[in-house]
C-alpha cells in the first residue's frame, strides 16, 4: 500500500527522463523540470516513510526504505558530483549500479 505512490512517481520519472533524452528542443527544459519535481516527490515520500517507521520503532524497515526508495534517487547525483571527481572507483561503481533506471 505504501509503495504504490512511490512506484507511480518512479514510473513517471523514468518516462520524463526517456522523453528528455528523445527531445532536444524546448521540450528538454519541460521534461527536465518534470523529472526534477518527480525526484523531489520521491525523496519526500521516502523520507516521510523512513521517519514514520523510525519513530514507530521499526528501524530495520526504515533502513530498508532508505535502501530501496531514497538511495537510488540520490545515488546518481552523488556518483556524478562526488565519487567520480574524488576518484573513488568502488563507490562510483556501486553508485552507478544503484542509480540504474528500471
Protein backbone atom coordinates (compact mmCIF):
# COMPACT_ATOMS: atom_id res chain seq x y z
CA UNK A 1 0.00 0.00 0.00
CA UNK A 2 2.81 2.43 0.88
CA UNK A 3 4.78 1.59 -2.23
CA UNK A 4 2.08 2.37 -4.80
CA UNK A 5 2.57 6.18 -4.83
CA UNK A 6 6.33 5.71 -4.95
CA UNK A 7 6.06 3.30 -7.87
CA UNK A 8 3.85 5.80 -9.69
CA UNK A 9 6.41 8.58 -9.09
CA UNK A 10 9.20 6.27 -10.24
CA UNK A 11 7.44 5.33 -13.50
CA UNK A 12 6.62 8.96 -14.28
CA UNK A 13 10.22 9.97 -13.50
CA UNK A 14 11.57 7.30 -15.86
CA UNK A 15 9.14 8.40 -18.56
CA UNK A 16 10.26 12.02 -18.14
CA UNK A 17 13.93 11.03 -18.40
CA UNK A 18 13.23 8.95 -21.53
CA UNK A 19 11.28 11.79 -23.12
CA UNK A 20 14.04 14.23 -22.19
CA UNK A 21 16.59 12.08 -23.98
CA UNK A 22 14.36 11.87 -27.04
CA UNK A 23 13.51 15.58 -27.37
CA UNK A 24 16.31 18.11 -27.71
CA UNK A 25 14.16 21.18 -28.27
CA UNK A 26 12.33 23.37 -25.76
CA UNK A 27 10.69 20.17 -24.54
CA UNK A 28 14.02 19.31 -22.92
CA UNK A 29 13.57 22.05 -20.33
CA UNK A 30 10.00 20.99 -19.61
CA UNK A 31 10.89 17.32 -19.20
CA UNK A 32 13.90 18.21 -17.04
CA UNK A 33 11.70 20.25 -14.71
CA UNK A 34 9.16 17.43 -14.59
CA UNK A 35 11.90 14.90 -13.76
CA UNK A 36 13.23 17.16 -11.00
CA UNK A 37 9.81 17.63 -9.43
CA UNK A 38 9.16 13.89 -9.51
CA UNK A 39 12.57 13.11 -8.00
CA UNK A 40 11.77 15.57 -5.21
CA UNK A 41 8.39 13.93 -4.66
CA UNK A 42 10.06 10.52 -4.46
CA UNK A 43 12.55 11.84 -1.88
CA UNK A 44 9.87 13.49 0.24
CA UNK A 45 7.71 10.37 0.19
CA UNK A 46 10.70 8.14 1.02
CA UNK A 47 11.90 10.36 3.89
CA UNK A 48 8.38 10.59 5.29
CA UNK A 49 8.01 6.82 5.29
CA UNK A 50 11.51 6.42 6.74
CA UNK A 51 10.76 8.79 9.61
CA UNK A 52 7.41 7.11 10.25
CA UNK A 53 9.00 3.68 10.56
CA UNK A 54 11.89 5.06 12.63
CA UNK A 55 9.52 6.78 15.11
CA UNK A 56 7.38 3.67 15.48
CA UNK A 57 10.49 1.64 16.28
CA UNK A 58 10.73 -0.39 13.09
CA UNK A 59 14.29 0.71 12.34
CA UNK A 60 15.17 -2.35 10.19
CA UNK A 61 12.25 -1.45 7.94
CA UNK A 62 13.40 2.19 7.93
CA UNK A 63 16.85 1.11 6.73
CA UNK A 64 15.21 -0.98 4.01
CA UNK A 65 13.09 2.00 2.93
CA UNK A 66 16.29 4.06 2.69
CA UNK A 67 17.99 1.41 0.55
CA UNK A 68 15.03 0.95 -1.79
CA UNK A 69 13.42 4.39 -2.02
CA UNK A 70 16.00 7.06 -1.22
CA UNK A 71 19.40 5.69 -2.24
CA UNK A 72 18.56 5.17 -5.96
CA UNK A 73 17.38 8.78 -6.30
CA UNK A 74 20.42 10.26 -4.57
CA UNK A 75 22.98 7.81 -5.98
CA UNK A 76 23.23 9.31 -9.46
CA UNK A 77 23.96 12.82 -8.15
CA UNK A 78 26.44 11.57 -5.57
CA UNK A 79 28.19 9.41 -8.13
CA UNK A 80 28.45 12.14 -10.76
CA UNK A 81 29.43 15.03 -8.50
CA UNK A 82 31.26 13.44 -5.55
CA UNK A 83 32.54 9.89 -6.11
CA UNK A 84 33.93 10.25 -9.65
CA UNK A 85 35.72 13.60 -9.14
CA UNK A 86 37.31 12.28 -5.95
CA UNK A 87 38.41 9.10 -7.74
CA UNK A 88 36.53 6.69 -5.52
CA UNK A 89 36.15 3.89 -8.05
CA UNK A 90 34.40 1.31 -5.91
CA UNK A 91 31.77 3.76 -4.63
CA UNK A 92 31.35 5.08 -8.18
CA UNK A 93 30.68 1.57 -9.42
CA UNK A 94 28.10 0.80 -6.73
CA UNK A 95 26.53 4.24 -7.08
CA UNK A 96 26.12 3.57 -10.80
CA UNK A 97 24.50 0.23 -10.05
CA UNK A 98 22.11 1.79 -7.53
CA UNK A 99 21.10 4.61 -9.87
CA UNK A 100 20.44 2.37 -12.87
CA UNK A 101 16.91 3.05 -14.14
CA UNK A 102 14.38 0.26 -14.13
